[in-house]
């Protein structure tokens, strides 16, 4: 028997399509409080505050 996992946005309760959405992880500076995680659709993820993080590693060589 096959199983299918359906991802639902934690913010707006909409179904997230295959290959879409984002996972947000919130970590506190106080380690005793632990961490929280949320699955978000593309619309809700775009509305979240913050800025794009730089990618790690070397830049690829010019073609």
Protein backbone atom coordinates (compact mmCIF):
# COMPACT_ATOMS: atom_id res chain seq x y z
CA UNK A 1 0.00 0.00 0.00
CA UNK A 2 1.37 3.39 -0.99
CA UNK A 3 1.23 6.43 1.25
CA UNK A 4 1.11 10.05 0.21
CA UNK A 5 2.19 12.91 2.45
CA UNK A 6 0.23 16.12 2.02
CA UNK A 7 1.97 19.26 3.24
CA UNK A 8 -0.27 21.98 4.74
CA UNK A 9 0.78 25.57 5.49
CA UNK A 10 0.93 26.26 9.23
CA UNK A 11 -0.02 29.91 8.69
CA UNK A 12 -3.02 29.85 6.31
CA UNK A 13 -3.91 26.11 6.30
CA UNK A 14 -3.67 25.89 2.50
CA UNK A 15 -2.32 22.76 0.81
CA UNK A 16 1.25 23.19 -0.45
CA UNK A 17 1.94 21.80 -3.92
CA UNK A 18 4.71 19.38 -4.83
CA UNK A 19 8.06 21.19 -5.01
CA UNK A 20 6.61 24.39 -3.57
CA UNK A 21 6.71 26.03 -0.16
CA UNK A 22 9.36 26.53 2.49
CA UNK A 23 10.30 25.34 5.96
CA UNK A 24 11.05 28.01 8.56
CA UNK A 25 13.10 27.17 11.66
CA UNK A 26 13.21 29.57 14.58
CA UNK A 27 15.98 29.14 17.14
CA UNK A 28 16.16 31.15 20.34
CA UNK A 29 19.38 32.64 21.69
CA UNK A 30 18.51 31.04 25.02
CA UNK A 31 19.19 27.35 24.37
CA UNK A 32 16.78 26.21 27.08
CA UNK A 33 13.80 27.40 25.03
CA UNK A 34 14.60 25.03 22.17
CA UNK A 35 13.50 25.66 18.59
CA UNK A 36 10.30 25.88 16.55
CA UNK A 37 9.65 24.84 12.96
CA UNK A 38 6.87 25.74 10.52
CA UNK A 39 5.93 24.66 7.01
CA UNK A 40 4.83 27.58 4.82
CA UNK A 41 3.35 28.04 1.36
CA UNK A 42 5.06 30.37 -1.14
CA UNK A 43 2.70 33.26 -0.41
CA UNK A 44 3.16 33.13 3.37
CA UNK A 45 6.93 32.61 3.10
CA UNK A 46 7.23 35.75 0.95
CA UNK A 47 5.40 37.82 3.57
CA UNK A 48 7.70 36.78 6.44
CA UNK A 49 10.18 39.39 7.69
CA UNK A 50 13.88 38.96 7.10
CA UNK A 51 16.34 39.12 4.25
CA UNK A 52 17.87 36.62 1.85
CA UNK A 53 20.91 34.83 3.24
CA UNK A 54 24.07 34.64 1.16
CA UNK A 55 24.95 31.27 -0.30
CA UNK A 56 27.98 29.58 1.13
CA UNK A 57 31.06 28.51 -0.79
CA UNK A 58 32.96 29.80 -3.78
CA UNK A 59 31.30 31.53 -6.67
CA UNK A 60 31.15 29.37 -9.80
CA UNK A 61 33.67 30.12 -12.55
CA UNK A 62 32.50 32.23 -15.48
CA UNK A 63 31.58 30.13 -18.51
